């Protein structure tokens, strides 16, 4: 894992729910769309900086928590569109919350980012305001079942999957 940096625990949006999301991402933020598929970040690097402990806790928690539903919702932004535009994600069954609680025990420190799927990231696109003002992306109300958690990390070019943990599958 040493060639990777910035490890995240990630839930990818399955293709059957990601169609319009991926089209918007490719049109408005093609650099990020090329780096990683549409996803909801479960755990951020600053929350869980000890990679081996993150991976172990995700493995243990994933085995205990059954697959759960998430619902894509409305377009929102972080303070202002230039800071990033995303889709809200509703934790329908509470599985997202339970996984975070299981993994983010001390020494880890949870932050307060809401569950979301980024459409325009400020690091890779300056089109957040234009996207927001266009009003071109309607509320989604697309539900999908999260069946696994991926540990992803940046290799300098792309966010690759380091390992995956199936939900509800005891080791």
Protein backbone atom coordinates (compact mmCIF):
# COMPACT_ATOMS: atom_id res chain seq x y z
CA UNK A 1 0.00 0.00 0.00
CA UNK A 2 3.02 2.31 0.22
CA UNK A 3 2.70 3.52 -3.43
CA UNK A 4 -0.75 4.90 -2.59
CA UNK A 5 -1.73 7.91 -0.53
CA UNK A 6 -4.89 9.45 0.87
CA UNK A 7 -6.80 6.25 1.68
CA UNK A 8 -10.58 6.49 1.76
CA UNK A 9 -13.34 4.00 2.54
CA UNK A 10 -15.65 4.35 -0.45
CA UNK A 11 -19.06 3.12 -1.59
CA UNK A 12 -19.32 3.13 -5.38
CA UNK A 13 -22.63 3.98 -7.02
CA UNK A 14 -23.54 0.91 -9.12
CA UNK A 15 -23.88 1.42 -12.88
CA UNK A 16 -27.67 1.03 -12.86
CA UNK A 17 -27.97 4.12 -10.60
CA UNK A 18 -24.95 6.06 -11.83
CA UNK A 19 -25.89 6.71 -15.48
CA UNK A 20 -27.01 10.38 -15.31
CA UNK A 21 -24.50 11.11 -12.54
CA UNK A 22 -21.59 9.87 -14.64
CA UNK A 23 -22.78 11.85 -17.68
CA UNK A 24 -22.88 15.05 -15.60
CA UNK A 25 -19.46 14.31 -14.09
CA UNK A 26 -17.88 13.68 -17.52
CA UNK A 27 -19.41 16.88 -18.91
CA UNK A 28 -18.66 19.22 -16.00
CA UNK A 29 -15.62 17.66 -14.29
CA UNK A 30 -13.97 15.26 -16.76
CA UNK A 31 -10.67 15.15 -14.85
CA UNK A 32 -12.28 13.78 -11.65
CA UNK A 33 -14.57 11.51 -13.66
CA UNK A 34 -11.46 9.99 -15.26
CA UNK A 35 -9.79 9.53 -11.85
CA UNK A 36 -12.63 7.69 -10.05
CA UNK A 37 -16.20 6.51 -10.66
CA UNK A 38 -19.19 8.07 -8.91
CA UNK A 39 -19.07 7.24 -5.21
CA UNK A 40 -20.00 8.26 -1.69
CA UNK A 41 -16.99 8.56 0.60
CA UNK A 42 -17.60 6.68 3.84
CA UNK A 43 -14.33 7.54 5.64
CA UNK A 44 -11.90 10.36 4.75
CA UNK A 45 -8.10 10.21 5.20
CA UNK A 46 -8.07 12.96 7.83
CA UNK A 47 -10.61 10.98 9.88
CA UNK A 48 -8.65 7.71 9.83
CA UNK A 49 -4.98 8.40 9.06
CA UNK A 50 -3.69 5.00 10.26
CA UNK A 51 -4.20 2.97 7.08
CA UNK A 52 -3.73 -0.54 8.52
CA UNK A 53 -6.20 0.17 11.33
CA UNK A 54 -8.66 1.67 8.84
CA UNK A 55 -8.53 -1.44 6.65
CA UNK A 56 -8.91 -3.80 9.62
CA UNK A 57 -11.84 -1.87 11.08
CA UNK A 58 -13.61 -1.69 7.71
CA UNK A 59 -13.16 -5.47 7.29
CA UNK A 60 -14.60 -6.22 10.73
CA UNK A 61 -17.47 -3.71 10.47
CA UNK A 62 -18.37 -4.80 6.92
CA UNK A 63 -18.72 -8.40 8.03
CA UNK A 64 -21.24 -7.38 10.71
CA UNK A 65 -23.35 -4.96 8.67
CA UNK A 66 -25.70 -6.25 6.02
CA UNK A 67 -26.09 -4.54 2.63
CA UNK A 68 -28.07 -1.32 2.98
CA UNK A 69 -29.89 1.18 0.80
CA UNK A 70 -28.76 4.66 -0.14
CA UNK A 71 -30.81 7.18 -2.11
CA UNK A 72 -29.42 9.90 -4.37
CA UNK A 73 -31.32 13.13 -3.90
CA UNK A 74 -31.04 16.79 -4.76
CA UNK A 75 -28.17 18.93 -5.97
CA UNK A 76 -26.41 20.89 -3.20
CA UNK A 77 -23.13 22.70 -2.67
CA UNK A 78 -20.51 23.25 0.03
CA UNK A 79 -21.21 26.86 1.12
CA UNK A 80 -21.02 28.08 -2.50
CA UNK A 81 -20.92 26.22 -5.85
CA UNK A 82 -17.28 27.16 -6.40
CA UNK A 83 -16.47 24.97 -3.36
CA UNK A 84 -18.03 21.87 -4.93
CA UNK A 85 -21.41 20.67 -6.15
CA UNK A 86 -22.82 17.32 -5.11
CA UNK A 87 -25.89 15.12 -4.84
CA UNK A 88 -27.25 14.53 -1.37
CA UNK A 89 -27.30 10.89 -0.25
CA UNK A 90 -29.95 9.59 2.13
CA UNK A 91 -28.91 6.75 4.43
CA UNK A 92 -32.23 4.88 4.05
CA UNK A 93 -31.46 1.92 6.36
CA UNK A 94 -28.83 3.52 8.62
CA UNK A 95 -26.02 1.28 7.34
CA UNK A 96 -23.80 4.20 6.32
CA UNK A 97 -24.09 5.70 9.81
CA UNK A 98 -23.47 2.33 11.52
CA UNK A 99 -20.34 1.68 9.45
CA UNK A 100 -18.96 5.12 10.28
CA UNK A 101 -19.66 4.63 13.99
CA UNK A 102 -18.01 1.19 13.95
CA UNK A 103 -14.86 2.38 12.15
CA UNK A 104 -14.39 5.88 13.56
CA UNK A 105 -13.72 5.01 17.19
CA UNK A 106 -10.63 6.51 18.87
CA UNK A 107 -7.95 7.13 17.88
CA UNK A 108 -9.91 8.12 14.75
CA UNK A 109 -11.82 11.41 14.69
CA UNK A 110 -15.04 11.75 12.66
CA UNK A 111 -15.79 14.94 10.75
CA UNK A 112 -19.20 16.30 9.80
CA UNK A 113 -19.34 15.91 6.01
CA UNK A 114 -22.82 14.76 4.97
CA UNK A 115 -23.06 11.67 2.76
CA UNK A 116 -22.85 12.85 -0.84
CA UNK A 117 -21.77 12.07 -4.40
CA UNK A 118 -19.60 14.84 -5.85
CA UNK A 119 -20.57 16.12 -9.28
CA UNK A 120 -18.07 19.00 -9.64
CA UNK A 121 -14.96 18.97 -7.44
CA UNK A 122 -13.14 22.30 -6.98
CA UNK A 123 -9.72 20.61 -7.18
CA UNK A 124 -10.34 19.42 -10.76
CA UNK A 125 -12.96 21.79 -12.20
CA UNK A 126 -13.66 25.50 -11.99
CA UNK A 127 -17.15 24.99 -13.43
CA UNK A 128 -19.09 24.60 -10.16
CA UNK A 129 -20.84 27.98 -10.43
CA UNK A 130 -21.66 27.45 -14.10
CA UNK A 131 -23.06 23.97 -13.35
CA UNK A 132 -25.11 25.31 -10.41
CA UNK A 133 -26.49 28.27 -12.35
CA UNK A 134 -27.45 26.06 -15.31
CA UNK A 135 -29.95 24.18 -13.14
CA UNK A 136 -29.51 21.35 -15.61
CA UNK A 137 -29.31 18.51 -13.12
CA UNK A 138 -32.66 17.48 -11.63
CA UNK A 139 -33.31 15.75 -8.32
CA UNK A 140 -32.47 12.07 -8.74
CA UNK A 141 -34.44 9.99 -6.21
CA UNK A 142 -32.43 6.96 -7.35
CA UNK A 143 -32.02 4.25 -4.74
CA UNK A 144 -29.33 1.59 -4.74
CA UNK A 145 -28.04 -1.08 -2.41
CA UNK A 146 -24.51 -0.76 -1.06
CA UNK A 147 -23.06 -4.30 -1.11
CA UNK A 148 -19.37 -3.60 -0.44
CA UNK A 149 -16.94 -1.02 0.84
CA UNK A 150 -13.80 -0.31 -1.17
CA UNK A 151 -10.60 1.08 0.26
CA UNK A 152 -9.42 3.52 -2.40
CA UNK A 153 -6.23 5.54 -2.61
CA UNK A 154 -4.57 7.96 -4.97
CA UNK A 155 -1.55 6.73 -6.96
CA UNK A 156 -0.69 10.12 -8.44
CA UNK A 157 -3.03 9.69 -11.41
CA UNK A 158 -6.13 7.74 -10.39
CA UNK A 159 -8.00 6.66 -7.27
CA UNK A 160 -7.49 2.91 -7.35
CA UNK A 161 -9.20 0.22 -5.34
CA UNK A 162 -6.72 -1.25 -2.86
CA UNK A 163 -9.14 -3.81 -1.42
CA UNK A 164 -12.88 -4.45 -1.07
CA UNK A 165 -14.96 -5.76 1.80
CA UNK A 166 -18.36 -7.33 1.10
CA UNK A 167 -21.11 -6.27 3.47
CA UNK A 168 -22.68 -8.97 5.63
CA UNK A 169 -20.07 -11.60 4.76
CA UNK A 170 -18.33 -12.95 7.89
CA UNK A 171 -14.66 -13.71 7.32
